[in-house]
N, C-alpha and C. Protein backbone atom coordinates (compact mmCIF):
# COMPACT_ATOMS: atom_id res chain seq x y z
N UNK A 1 80.31 2.42 21.95
CA UNK A 1 78.66 2.91 20.77
C UNK A 1 78.30 1.41 20.45
N UNK A 2 76.84 1.76 20.06
CA UNK A 2 76.08 0.54 19.72
C UNK A 2 76.21 1.34 18.23
N UNK A 3 75.66 0.03 17.13
CA UNK A 3 75.34 0.37 16.06
C UNK A 3 73.84 0.22 15.65
N UNK A 4 73.65 1.93 15.08
CA UNK A 4 72.56 1.88 15.09
C UNK A 4 72.00 1.79 13.07
N UNK A 5 70.34 1.39 13.50
CA UNK A 5 70.07 0.60 12.15
C UNK A 5 68.83 1.91 11.59
N UNK A 6 69.24 2.27 10.42
CA UNK A 6 68.53 3.26 9.96
C UNK A 6 67.19 2.45 9.15
N UNK A 7 65.98 2.90 9.89
CA UNK A 7 64.80 1.91 8.95
C UNK A 7 64.21 1.93 7.69
N UNK A 8 65.15 3.66 7.31
CA UNK A 8 65.00 3.75 5.95
C UNK A 8 65.43 3.26 4.89
N UNK A 9 66.50 2.48 5.72
CA UNK A 9 67.76 2.11 4.74
C UNK A 9 67.76 0.50 4.66
N UNK A 10 66.72 -0.64 5.09
CA UNK A 10 66.34 -1.32 5.57
C UNK A 10 65.60 -1.71 4.53
N UNK A 11 65.83 -2.54 3.04
CA UNK A 11 65.30 -3.19 2.24
C UNK A 11 64.13 -4.04 2.47
N UNK A 12 62.76 -3.99 2.39
CA UNK A 12 61.71 -4.78 2.52
C UNK A 12 62.35 -5.89 1.81
N UNK A 13 61.80 -7.44 2.98
CA UNK A 13 61.88 -8.37 2.29
C UNK A 13 60.74 -8.50 1.16
N UNK A 14 60.87 -9.32 0.42
CA UNK A 14 59.76 -9.47 -0.86
C UNK A 14 58.75 -10.54 -0.34
N UNK A 15 57.74 -10.93 -0.96
CA UNK A 15 57.34 -12.05 -0.66
C UNK A 15 57.35 -12.93 -1.92
N UNK A 16 57.58 -13.84 -1.85
CA UNK A 16 57.75 -14.77 -2.96
C UNK A 16 56.25 -15.36 -3.10
N UNK A 17 55.84 -15.04 -4.66
CA UNK A 17 54.81 -15.68 -5.30
C UNK A 17 55.04 -16.53 -6.15
N UNK A 18 54.52 -18.03 -6.28
CA UNK A 18 54.66 -19.05 -7.31
C UNK A 18 53.51 -18.57 -8.32
N UNK A 19 52.34 -17.99 -8.08
CA UNK A 19 51.07 -18.05 -9.18
C UNK A 19 50.72 -19.27 -9.28
N UNK A 20 51.04 -20.54 -8.48
CA UNK A 20 50.56 -21.77 -8.69
C UNK A 20 49.78 -22.29 -7.54
N UNK A 21 48.65 -22.54 -7.87
CA UNK A 21 47.52 -23.11 -6.51
C UNK A 21 47.22 -24.55 -6.57
N UNK A 22 47.21 -25.16 -5.60
CA UNK A 22 46.62 -26.40 -5.50
C UNK A 22 44.61 -26.30 -5.68
N UNK A 23 44.08 -27.17 -6.59
CA UNK A 23 43.23 -27.24 -7.19
C UNK A 23 42.30 -28.57 -7.21
N UNK A 24 41.34 -28.35 -6.30
CA UNK A 24 40.74 -30.00 -6.11
C UNK A 24 39.53 -29.53 -7.32
N UNK A 25 39.78 -30.58 -7.88
CA UNK A 25 38.84 -30.66 -9.42
C UNK A 25 37.62 -30.98 -9.09
N UNK A 26 36.47 -30.40 -10.28
CA UNK A 26 35.12 -30.50 -9.96
C UNK A 26 34.32 -31.82 -10.76
N UNK A 27 33.89 -33.18 -10.38
CA UNK A 27 33.45 -33.70 -10.59
C UNK A 27 31.86 -33.73 -10.88
N UNK A 28 31.12 -33.84 -11.94
CA UNK A 28 30.12 -33.57 -11.93
C UNK A 28 29.32 -34.75 -12.44
N UNK A 29 27.92 -34.96 -11.81
CA UNK A 29 27.18 -36.03 -11.81
C UNK A 29 26.16 -35.88 -13.24
N UNK A 30 26.13 -36.29 -14.08
CA UNK A 30 25.07 -35.96 -15.34
C UNK A 30 24.02 -36.73 -15.36
N UNK A 31 23.97 -37.49 -14.05
CA UNK A 31 22.33 -38.27 -13.87
C UNK A 31 21.69 -37.76 -12.82
N UNK A 32 22.09 -36.96 -11.88
CA UNK A 32 21.56 -36.21 -11.12
C UNK A 32 21.73 -34.96 -11.23
N UNK A 33 21.49 -34.27 -12.11
CA UNK A 33 21.50 -32.44 -12.60
C UNK A 33 22.67 -32.18 -12.31
N UNK A 34 23.47 -32.56 -12.61
CA UNK A 34 25.44 -31.82 -13.06
C UNK A 34 25.71 -31.57 -11.40
N UNK A 35 25.27 -32.62 -10.43
CA UNK A 35 25.43 -32.40 -8.80
C UNK A 35 26.44 -32.34 -8.87
N UNK A 36 27.61 -31.24 -8.02
CA UNK A 36 29.18 -31.35 -8.09
C UNK A 36 29.76 -31.80 -7.11
N UNK A 37 30.58 -32.57 -6.83
CA UNK A 37 31.28 -33.13 -6.15
C UNK A 37 33.04 -32.75 -6.24
N UNK A 38 33.56 -32.97 -5.32
CA UNK A 38 35.09 -32.45 -5.73
C UNK A 38 36.21 -33.52 -5.53
N UNK A 39 37.23 -34.01 -6.73
CA UNK A 39 37.68 -35.05 -6.62
C UNK A 39 39.11 -34.83 -6.71
N UNK A 40 40.06 -35.39 -7.37
CA UNK A 40 41.33 -34.90 -7.16
C UNK A 40 41.95 -33.91 -7.15
N UNK A 41 42.87 -33.93 -6.70
CA UNK A 41 43.98 -32.34 -6.92
C UNK A 41 44.92 -32.45 -8.28
N UNK A 42 45.21 -30.94 -8.55
CA UNK A 42 46.17 -30.86 -9.34
C UNK A 42 46.95 -29.08 -8.95
N UNK A 43 47.88 -29.09 -9.94
CA UNK A 43 48.73 -27.86 -9.29
C UNK A 43 48.17 -26.88 -11.05
N UNK A 44 47.81 -25.83 -10.59
CA UNK A 44 47.33 -25.06 -12.04
C UNK A 44 48.32 -23.67 -11.75
N UNK A 45 48.92 -23.33 -13.21
CA UNK A 45 49.40 -21.87 -12.77
C UNK A 45 48.78 -20.75 -13.27
N UNK A 46 49.16 -19.63 -13.02
CA UNK A 46 48.40 -18.50 -13.37
C UNK A 46 49.37 -17.52 -13.84
N UNK A 47 49.67 -17.71 -15.15
CA UNK A 47 50.32 -16.96 -16.07
C UNK A 47 49.99 -15.86 -16.59
N UNK A 48 48.33 -15.55 -16.10
CA UNK A 48 48.29 -14.29 -16.78
C UNK A 48 47.88 -13.03 -15.48
N UNK A 49 48.69 -12.93 -14.22
CA UNK A 49 48.69 -12.78 -13.06
C UNK A 49 48.82 -10.92 -13.48
N UNK A 50 49.69 -10.98 -14.10
CA UNK A 50 50.32 -9.24 -14.75
C UNK A 50 48.87 -8.72 -15.75
N UNK A 51 48.72 -9.59 -16.59
CA UNK A 51 46.69 -9.11 -17.58
C UNK A 51 46.22 -8.99 -16.56
N UNK A 52 45.89 -9.69 -15.46
CA UNK A 52 44.39 -10.01 -14.50
C UNK A 52 45.09 -8.47 -14.11
N UNK A 53 45.57 -7.92 -14.06
CA UNK A 53 45.68 -6.47 -12.84
C UNK A 53 46.23 -7.13 -11.72
N UNK A 54 46.93 -8.28 -11.49
CA UNK A 54 47.21 -8.57 -10.29
C UNK A 54 48.87 -8.58 -10.02
N UNK A 55 49.34 -7.72 -11.06
CA UNK A 55 50.72 -8.09 -11.57
C UNK A 55 52.05 -9.55 -10.81
N UNK A 56 53.03 -9.04 -10.43
CA UNK A 56 53.63 -10.13 -10.42
C UNK A 56 54.31 -10.83 -9.25
N UNK A 57 53.54 -10.11 -8.43
CA UNK A 57 54.12 -10.11 -6.63
C UNK A 57 52.80 -10.09 -5.95
N UNK A 58 51.92 -10.29 -6.33
CA UNK A 58 50.40 -10.81 -5.57
C UNK A 58 49.65 -11.80 -6.45
N UNK A 59 48.75 -12.47 -5.70
CA UNK A 59 48.01 -13.82 -5.84
C UNK A 59 46.46 -12.75 -6.65
N UNK A 60 45.79 -13.38 -7.66
CA UNK A 60 44.91 -12.82 -8.27
C UNK A 60 43.59 -13.45 -7.81
N UNK A 61 44.04 -15.11 -6.84
CA UNK A 61 43.00 -16.22 -6.17
C UNK A 61 43.58 -16.15 -5.16
N UNK A 62 42.17 -16.81 -4.35
CA UNK A 62 42.94 -17.17 -2.92
C UNK A 62 42.08 -18.29 -2.53
N UNK A 63 42.33 -19.13 -1.43
CA UNK A 63 41.68 -20.15 -1.25
C UNK A 63 39.82 -20.34 -1.49
N UNK A 64 39.48 -20.92 -1.52
CA UNK A 64 38.03 -21.21 -2.02
C UNK A 64 37.53 -20.86 -3.71
N UNK A 65 38.02 -19.96 -3.63
CA UNK A 65 37.88 -19.17 -5.66
C UNK A 65 37.72 -20.57 -6.23
N UNK A 66 36.43 -20.08 -6.89
CA UNK A 66 36.53 -21.33 -8.19
C UNK A 66 36.95 -20.94 -9.48
N UNK A 67 37.92 -21.63 -10.20
CA UNK A 67 38.45 -21.24 -11.35
C UNK A 67 38.66 -22.33 -12.36
N UNK A 68 38.94 -21.90 -13.74
CA UNK A 68 39.03 -22.95 -14.64
C UNK A 68 40.32 -22.86 -15.37
N UNK A 69 40.38 -23.80 -16.18
CA UNK A 69 41.91 -24.24 -17.12
C UNK A 69 41.29 -25.23 -18.27
N UNK A 70 41.03 -25.23 -18.92
CA UNK A 70 40.98 -25.71 -20.50
C UNK A 70 39.45 -26.07 -20.13
N UNK A 71 38.32 -25.56 -19.73
CA UNK A 71 37.31 -26.20 -19.72
C UNK A 71 37.06 -26.76 -18.23
N UNK A 72 37.87 -26.80 -17.44
CA UNK A 72 37.34 -27.90 -15.93
C UNK A 72 37.70 -27.07 -15.14
N UNK A 73 36.47 -27.36 -14.27
CA UNK A 73 36.71 -26.64 -13.08
C UNK A 73 37.30 -27.11 -11.92
N UNK A 74 37.49 -26.41 -11.10
CA UNK A 74 38.18 -26.71 -9.80
C UNK A 74 38.08 -25.48 -8.69
N UNK A 75 38.31 -25.94 -7.81
CA UNK A 75 38.40 -24.86 -6.22
C UNK A 75 39.57 -24.88 -5.59
N UNK A 76 40.14 -23.88 -5.48
CA UNK A 76 41.19 -23.38 -4.54
C UNK A 76 41.71 -23.68 -3.46
N UNK A 77 42.35 -24.90 -3.43
CA UNK A 77 42.31 -25.61 -1.52
C UNK A 77 43.94 -24.83 -1.33
N UNK A 78 44.93 -24.52 -1.73
CA UNK A 78 46.04 -23.80 -1.62
C UNK A 78 46.65 -22.84 -2.24
N UNK A 79 47.63 -21.63 -1.99
CA UNK A 79 48.44 -21.23 -2.81
C UNK A 79 49.64 -21.50 -2.55
N UNK A 80 50.57 -20.55 -3.56
CA UNK A 80 52.30 -20.90 -3.64
C UNK A 80 51.71 -22.38 -3.65
N UNK A 81 51.70 -23.52 -4.47
CA UNK A 81 52.46 -24.34 -4.45
C UNK A 81 53.46 -24.71 -5.09
N UNK A 82 54.02 -25.90 -4.73
CA UNK A 82 55.17 -26.17 -5.23
C UNK A 82 55.47 -27.34 -6.42
N UNK A 83 54.42 -27.90 -6.41
CA UNK A 83 54.63 -29.07 -7.20
C UNK A 83 54.81 -28.71 -8.69
N UNK A 84 55.01 -29.20 -9.79
CA UNK A 84 55.15 -29.28 -11.20
C UNK A 84 53.54 -28.81 -11.63
N UNK A 85 53.27 -28.01 -12.69
CA UNK A 85 51.91 -27.80 -13.10
C UNK A 85 51.05 -28.67 -13.93
N UNK A 86 50.78 -28.90 -13.71
CA UNK A 86 49.22 -29.80 -14.17
C UNK A 86 48.77 -28.94 -15.54
N UNK A 87 48.16 -27.76 -15.32
CA UNK A 87 47.36 -26.78 -16.38
C UNK A 87 47.76 -25.35 -15.71
N UNK A 88 47.45 -24.70 -17.14
CA UNK A 88 47.48 -23.42 -16.76
C UNK A 88 46.18 -22.70 -16.68
N UNK A 89 45.75 -21.96 -15.59
CA UNK A 89 44.56 -21.22 -15.40
C UNK A 89 44.35 -20.43 -16.42
N UNK A 90 42.46 -20.64 -17.09
CA UNK A 90 41.91 -19.51 -17.72
C UNK A 90 42.00 -18.07 -17.15
N UNK A 91 42.69 -17.37 -18.54
CA UNK A 91 42.74 -15.76 -17.96
C UNK A 91 41.40 -15.05 -17.59
N UNK A 92 42.10 -14.72 -16.42
CA UNK A 92 40.99 -13.68 -15.70
C UNK A 92 39.28 -14.68 -15.27
N UNK A 93 39.09 -16.21 -15.49
CA UNK A 93 37.99 -16.39 -15.14
C UNK A 93 37.80 -17.05 -13.24
N UNK A 94 36.94 -16.76 -13.22
CA UNK A 94 36.52 -16.92 -11.40
C UNK A 94 35.24 -17.05 -11.62
N UNK A 95 34.88 -18.13 -10.31
CA UNK A 95 33.61 -18.00 -10.36
C UNK A 95 32.86 -18.39 -8.98
N UNK A 96 31.55 -18.26 -9.32
CA UNK A 96 31.20 -17.65 -7.82
C UNK A 96 30.55 -19.45 -6.97
N UNK A 97 30.28 -20.16 -8.01
CA UNK A 97 30.56 -21.41 -7.13
C UNK A 97 31.03 -22.41 -8.51
N UNK A 98 30.85 -23.67 -7.68
CA UNK A 98 30.44 -24.88 -8.76
C UNK A 98 29.74 -25.03 -10.03
N UNK A 99 28.50 -24.41 -9.76
CA UNK A 99 27.14 -24.42 -10.84
C UNK A 99 27.86 -23.94 -11.95
N UNK A 100 28.24 -22.10 -11.11
CA UNK A 100 28.51 -21.12 -12.15
C UNK A 100 29.76 -21.52 -13.02
N UNK A 101 30.55 -22.47 -12.32
CA UNK A 101 31.85 -22.75 -13.49
C UNK A 101 31.30 -23.87 -14.27
N UNK A 102 30.15 -24.41 -14.24
CA UNK A 102 29.68 -25.13 -14.94
C UNK A 102 28.79 -24.58 -16.21
N UNK A 103 28.20 -23.65 -15.49
CA UNK A 103 27.44 -23.06 -16.59
C UNK A 103 28.13 -22.23 -17.34
N UNK A 104 29.40 -21.99 -17.49
CA UNK A 104 30.54 -20.62 -18.19
C UNK A 104 30.92 -21.64 -19.07
N UNK A 105 31.41 -23.18 -18.30
CA UNK A 105 32.40 -23.89 -19.13
C UNK A 105 31.92 -25.24 -19.65
N UNK A 106 30.78 -25.40 -19.62
CA UNK A 106 29.57 -26.41 -20.29
C UNK A 106 30.17 -27.41 -20.27
N UNK A 107 30.94 -28.27 -18.97
CA UNK A 107 31.38 -29.26 -18.65
C UNK A 107 30.10 -30.73 -18.53
N UNK A 108 29.06 -30.19 -17.70
CA UNK A 108 27.82 -30.97 -17.99
C UNK A 108 26.92 -30.70 -18.54
N UNK A 109 26.28 -31.23 -18.94
CA UNK A 109 24.67 -31.34 -19.74
C UNK A 109 23.73 -32.10 -18.84
N UNK A 110 22.95 -31.79 -17.79
CA UNK A 110 21.87 -32.76 -16.90
C UNK A 110 21.02 -33.75 -18.39
N UNK A 111 21.27 -35.12 -18.44
CA UNK A 111 21.05 -35.67 -19.42
C UNK A 111 20.12 -37.02 -18.22
N UNK A 112 19.67 -36.72 -17.05
CA UNK A 112 19.03 -37.77 -16.61
C UNK A 112 17.54 -38.27 -17.33
N UNK A 113 16.99 -38.98 -16.90
CA UNK A 113 15.67 -39.67 -17.34
C UNK A 113 14.66 -38.81 -17.49
N UNK A 114 14.36 -38.74 -19.00
CA UNK A 114 13.52 -37.68 -19.43
C UNK A 114 14.02 -36.37 -19.78
N UNK A 115 15.37 -36.14 -19.87
CA UNK A 115 16.35 -34.83 -19.98
C UNK A 115 16.63 -34.98 -21.56
N UNK A 116 17.50 -34.79 -22.20
CA UNK A 116 17.80 -34.47 -23.09
C UNK A 116 18.37 -35.98 -23.44
N UNK A 117 18.43 -36.40 -24.73
CA UNK A 117 19.07 -37.67 -24.46
C UNK A 117 18.81 -39.21 -23.67
N UNK A 118 17.70 -38.84 -22.54
CA UNK A 118 18.13 -39.76 -21.71
C UNK A 118 16.57 -40.74 -22.21
N UNK A 119 16.37 -41.28 -21.31
CA UNK A 119 14.88 -42.66 -21.23
C UNK A 119 13.83 -41.42 -21.65
N UNK A 120 13.10 -41.67 -22.54
CA UNK A 120 11.81 -40.40 -23.05
C UNK A 120 12.55 -39.69 -23.50
N UNK A 121 13.25 -39.38 -23.43
CA UNK A 121 14.15 -37.87 -24.15
C UNK A 121 13.80 -38.05 -25.75
N UNK A 122 14.26 -36.57 -26.43
CA UNK A 122 13.86 -36.88 -27.96
C UNK A 122 15.33 -37.53 -28.73
């Protein structure tokens, strides 16, 4: 007689979440209306998952989301990073794009020619 496994008695394997994300940092060009390009990568940790309503076994963010950490903008390029964390993400903040992140974190102020502080400015 064969062994029968009752599917109701088998525990579901829990997914492992690190709440660490690989983030490509935004680089702003103050001489070009704060044009945004992507630079170096860092590993950011979301220690606020439960407070953000995501719990301990889900991710609040996904690849492509714009987030911030200590007023630095970055775009998530991978979830479940394993590297040592470089920074903790700001609680509950995500942005529609690089410009939106800059508008909310004030990393860059366009000071090109004729602008504030630029040649011909005040």
